[in-house]
Amino acid sequence: MTFDELKTLLVSLGLDPADITPESTREEAGLDSLLLTELALVLRKERGVPVPEEELYAAPTVAAIGDLVRRSAGAAR
């Protein structure tokens, strides 16, 4: 998943696109625990990418979340 794809997904979850940069922390982007859980659910159900929620919580930035999603997508194949 590219950064732009992740950003589009995060915006669809209600986040402000101006707050989402690769360097944004989870908090700066607006990703609280509820949204991280929702992101994990959307990734699993709509994209077929099983990303462990605890790893999403541990990712410090949006770029790190994108890297995690890419690794999880590769492992799921």
N, C-alpha and C. Protein backbone atom coordinates (compact mmCIF):
# COMPACT_ATOMS: atom_id res chain seq x y z
N MET A 1 0.85 -1.17 0.00
CA MET A 1 0.00 0.00 0.00
C MET A 1 0.90 1.23 0.00
N THR A 2 0.66 2.10 -0.94
CA THR A 2 1.44 3.33 -1.03
C THR A 2 0.97 4.32 0.04
N PHE A 3 1.77 5.35 0.27
CA PHE A 3 1.36 6.38 1.21
C PHE A 3 0.05 7.01 0.77
N ASP A 4 -0.08 7.30 -0.53
CA ASP A 4 -1.32 7.93 -1.01
C ASP A 4 -2.53 7.03 -0.79
N GLU A 5 -2.38 5.74 -0.98
CA GLU A 5 -3.48 4.80 -0.73
C GLU A 5 -3.84 4.79 0.76
N LEU A 6 -2.82 4.77 1.61
CA LEU A 6 -3.07 4.80 3.06
C LEU A 6 -3.74 6.10 3.45
N LYS A 7 -3.26 7.21 2.90
CA LYS A 7 -3.86 8.51 3.22
C LYS A 7 -5.33 8.55 2.81
N THR A 8 -5.64 8.03 1.62
CA THR A 8 -7.02 7.98 1.16
C THR A 8 -7.88 7.16 2.12
N LEU A 9 -7.35 6.04 2.56
CA LEU A 9 -8.07 5.19 3.50
C LEU A 9 -8.29 5.91 4.83
N LEU A 10 -7.26 6.59 5.31
CA LEU A 10 -7.38 7.32 6.58
C LEU A 10 -8.38 8.47 6.48
N VAL A 11 -8.39 9.14 5.35
CA VAL A 11 -9.36 10.23 5.13
C VAL A 11 -10.77 9.65 5.10
N SER A 12 -10.93 8.46 4.50
CA SER A 12 -12.26 7.84 4.47
C SER A 12 -12.74 7.45 5.86
N LEU A 13 -11.80 7.31 6.80
CA LEU A 13 -12.15 7.01 8.19
C LEU A 13 -12.43 8.28 8.98
N GLY A 14 -12.32 9.44 8.31
CA GLY A 14 -12.69 10.69 8.95
C GLY A 14 -11.55 11.60 9.36
N LEU A 15 -10.31 11.24 9.01
CA LEU A 15 -9.18 12.09 9.38
C LEU A 15 -9.01 13.24 8.41
N ASP A 16 -8.43 14.32 8.89
CA ASP A 16 -8.19 15.51 8.08
C ASP A 16 -6.95 15.28 7.21
N PRO A 17 -7.07 15.39 5.90
CA PRO A 17 -5.93 15.12 5.01
C PRO A 17 -4.74 16.04 5.29
N ALA A 18 -4.99 17.23 5.79
CA ALA A 18 -3.89 18.16 6.08
C ALA A 18 -3.02 17.66 7.23
N ASP A 19 -3.56 16.79 8.08
CA ASP A 19 -2.82 16.27 9.23
C ASP A 19 -2.03 15.01 8.91
N ILE A 20 -2.20 14.47 7.71
CA ILE A 20 -1.60 13.18 7.37
C ILE A 20 -0.41 13.37 6.44
N THR A 21 0.78 13.23 7.01
CA THR A 21 2.02 13.23 6.24
C THR A 21 2.79 11.98 6.65
N PRO A 22 3.77 11.55 5.88
CA PRO A 22 4.54 10.38 6.30
C PRO A 22 5.18 10.56 7.68
N GLU A 23 5.57 11.78 8.00
CA GLU A 23 6.25 12.05 9.27
C GLU A 23 5.30 12.27 10.44
N SER A 24 4.01 12.41 10.18
CA SER A 24 3.03 12.63 11.25
C SER A 24 3.04 11.46 12.22
N THR A 25 3.02 11.80 13.51
CA THR A 25 2.84 10.73 14.49
C THR A 25 1.38 10.28 14.43
N ARG A 26 1.10 9.16 15.07
CA ARG A 26 -0.30 8.70 15.12
C ARG A 26 -1.18 9.78 15.72
N GLU A 27 -0.70 10.40 16.78
CA GLU A 27 -1.49 11.42 17.47
C GLU A 27 -1.70 12.65 16.59
N GLU A 28 -0.66 13.10 15.91
CA GLU A 28 -0.78 14.26 15.03
C GLU A 28 -1.78 14.01 13.90
N ALA A 29 -1.81 12.77 13.40
CA ALA A 29 -2.72 12.42 12.31
C ALA A 29 -4.15 12.22 12.81
N GLY A 30 -4.31 12.04 14.13
CA GLY A 30 -5.64 11.82 14.68
C GLY A 30 -6.00 10.36 14.87
N LEU A 31 -4.99 9.49 14.82
CA LEU A 31 -5.24 8.05 14.95
C LEU A 31 -5.25 7.64 16.42
N ASP A 32 -6.43 7.66 17.02
CA ASP A 32 -6.56 7.18 18.38
C ASP A 32 -6.78 5.66 18.35
N SER A 33 -6.92 5.06 19.50
CA SER A 33 -7.05 3.60 19.56
C SER A 33 -8.28 3.08 18.82
N LEU A 34 -9.37 3.82 18.87
CA LEU A 34 -10.58 3.40 18.16
C LEU A 34 -10.35 3.40 16.64
N LEU A 35 -9.72 4.44 16.13
CA LEU A 35 -9.46 4.50 14.69
C LEU A 35 -8.43 3.47 14.25
N LEU A 36 -7.45 3.17 15.11
CA LEU A 36 -6.48 2.12 14.77
C LEU A 36 -7.17 0.76 14.68
N THR A 37 -8.11 0.52 15.59
CA THR A 37 -8.88 -0.72 15.55
C THR A 37 -9.73 -0.78 14.28
N GLU A 38 -10.36 0.34 13.94
CA GLU A 38 -11.16 0.40 12.72
C GLU A 38 -10.28 0.21 11.48
N LEU A 39 -9.09 0.81 11.48
CA LEU A 39 -8.16 0.64 10.36
C LEU A 39 -7.78 -0.82 10.20
N ALA A 40 -7.46 -1.49 11.30
CA ALA A 40 -7.12 -2.91 11.24
C ALA A 40 -8.27 -3.73 10.67
N LEU A 41 -9.48 -3.41 11.07
CA LEU A 41 -10.67 -4.13 10.58
C LEU A 41 -10.86 -3.91 9.08
N VAL A 42 -10.75 -2.66 8.64
CA VAL A 42 -10.91 -2.35 7.21
C VAL A 42 -9.82 -3.04 6.39
N LEU A 43 -8.60 -2.99 6.87
CA LEU A 43 -7.51 -3.64 6.14
C LEU A 43 -7.76 -5.14 6.01
N ARG A 44 -8.22 -5.76 7.09
CA ARG A 44 -8.46 -7.21 7.08
C ARG A 44 -9.66 -7.57 6.20
N LYS A 45 -10.78 -6.87 6.39
CA LYS A 45 -12.01 -7.26 5.68
C LYS A 45 -12.07 -6.78 4.24
N GLU A 46 -11.61 -5.57 3.97
CA GLU A 46 -11.75 -5.01 2.63
C GLU A 46 -10.52 -5.22 1.76
N ARG A 47 -9.36 -5.35 2.37
CA ARG A 47 -8.12 -5.47 1.61
C ARG A 47 -7.46 -6.83 1.75
N GLY A 48 -7.96 -7.65 2.68
CA GLY A 48 -7.38 -8.97 2.88
C GLY A 48 -6.00 -8.93 3.51
N VAL A 49 -5.70 -7.85 4.25
CA VAL A 49 -4.39 -7.69 4.87
C VAL A 49 -4.55 -7.77 6.39
N PRO A 50 -4.12 -8.88 6.98
CA PRO A 50 -4.25 -9.03 8.42
C PRO A 50 -3.11 -8.33 9.16
N VAL A 51 -3.37 -7.13 9.65
CA VAL A 51 -2.37 -6.36 10.38
C VAL A 51 -2.71 -6.45 11.87
N PRO A 52 -1.80 -6.99 12.67
CA PRO A 52 -2.07 -7.08 14.10
C PRO A 52 -2.24 -5.70 14.73
N GLU A 53 -3.31 -5.52 15.48
CA GLU A 53 -3.60 -4.22 16.09
C GLU A 53 -2.46 -3.75 16.99
N GLU A 54 -1.87 -4.67 17.74
CA GLU A 54 -0.79 -4.26 18.65
C GLU A 54 0.41 -3.70 17.88
N GLU A 55 0.63 -4.17 16.67
CA GLU A 55 1.71 -3.62 15.85
C GLU A 55 1.33 -2.24 15.31
N LEU A 56 0.05 -2.03 15.00
CA LEU A 56 -0.40 -0.69 14.61
C LEU A 56 -0.20 0.30 15.75
N TYR A 57 -0.53 -0.12 16.97
CA TYR A 57 -0.37 0.75 18.14
C TYR A 57 1.10 1.10 18.37
N ALA A 58 2.00 0.19 17.99
CA ALA A 58 3.43 0.40 18.21
C ALA A 58 4.09 1.25 17.12
N ALA A 59 3.43 1.40 15.98
CA ALA A 59 4.01 2.17 14.87
C ALA A 59 3.97 3.66 15.23
N PRO A 60 5.13 4.32 15.24
CA PRO A 60 5.17 5.71 15.71
C PRO A 60 4.68 6.76 14.73
N THR A 61 4.75 6.47 13.42
CA THR A 61 4.38 7.46 12.41
C THR A 61 3.47 6.84 11.35
N VAL A 62 2.88 7.70 10.54
CA VAL A 62 2.05 7.22 9.42
C VAL A 62 2.91 6.40 8.46
N ALA A 63 4.15 6.84 8.21
CA ALA A 63 5.04 6.08 7.33
C ALA A 63 5.30 4.68 7.90
N ALA A 64 5.47 4.58 9.21
CA ALA A 64 5.69 3.27 9.83
C ALA A 64 4.46 2.39 9.70
N ILE A 65 3.27 2.98 9.78
CA ILE A 65 2.04 2.22 9.58
C ILE A 65 2.00 1.70 8.14
N GLY A 66 2.35 2.55 7.18
CA GLY A 66 2.39 2.13 5.78
C GLY A 66 3.36 0.98 5.57
N ASP A 67 4.55 1.06 6.19
CA ASP A 67 5.54 -0.02 6.09
C ASP A 67 4.98 -1.32 6.68
N LEU A 68 4.31 -1.21 7.80
CA LEU A 68 3.71 -2.37 8.45
C LEU A 68 2.65 -3.00 7.54
N VAL A 69 1.83 -2.19 6.93
CA VAL A 69 0.78 -2.70 6.04
C VAL A 69 1.43 -3.40 4.84
N ARG A 70 2.47 -2.82 4.28
CA ARG A 70 3.17 -3.45 3.14
C ARG A 70 3.75 -4.80 3.53
N ARG A 71 4.40 -4.86 4.70
CA ARG A 71 4.98 -6.13 5.16
C ARG A 71 3.89 -7.17 5.40
N SER A 72 2.79 -6.75 6.02
CA SER A 72 1.68 -7.67 6.30
C SER A 72 1.04 -8.16 5.00
N ALA A 73 0.93 -7.28 4.02
CA ALA A 73 0.35 -7.67 2.72
C ALA A 73 1.24 -8.69 2.04
N GLY A 74 2.55 -8.49 2.13
CA GLY A 74 3.48 -9.43 1.52
C GLY A 74 3.44 -10.78 2.20
N ALA A 75 3.29 -10.80 3.50
CA ALA A 75 3.23 -12.04 4.26
C ALA A 75 1.93 -12.79 4.03
N ALA A 76 0.87 -12.05 3.68
CA ALA A 76 -0.45 -12.66 3.48
C ALA A 76 -0.55 -13.37 2.12
N ARG A 77 0.39 -13.08 1.25
CA ARG A 77 0.31 -13.68 -0.11
C ARG A 77 0.79 -15.08 -0.15
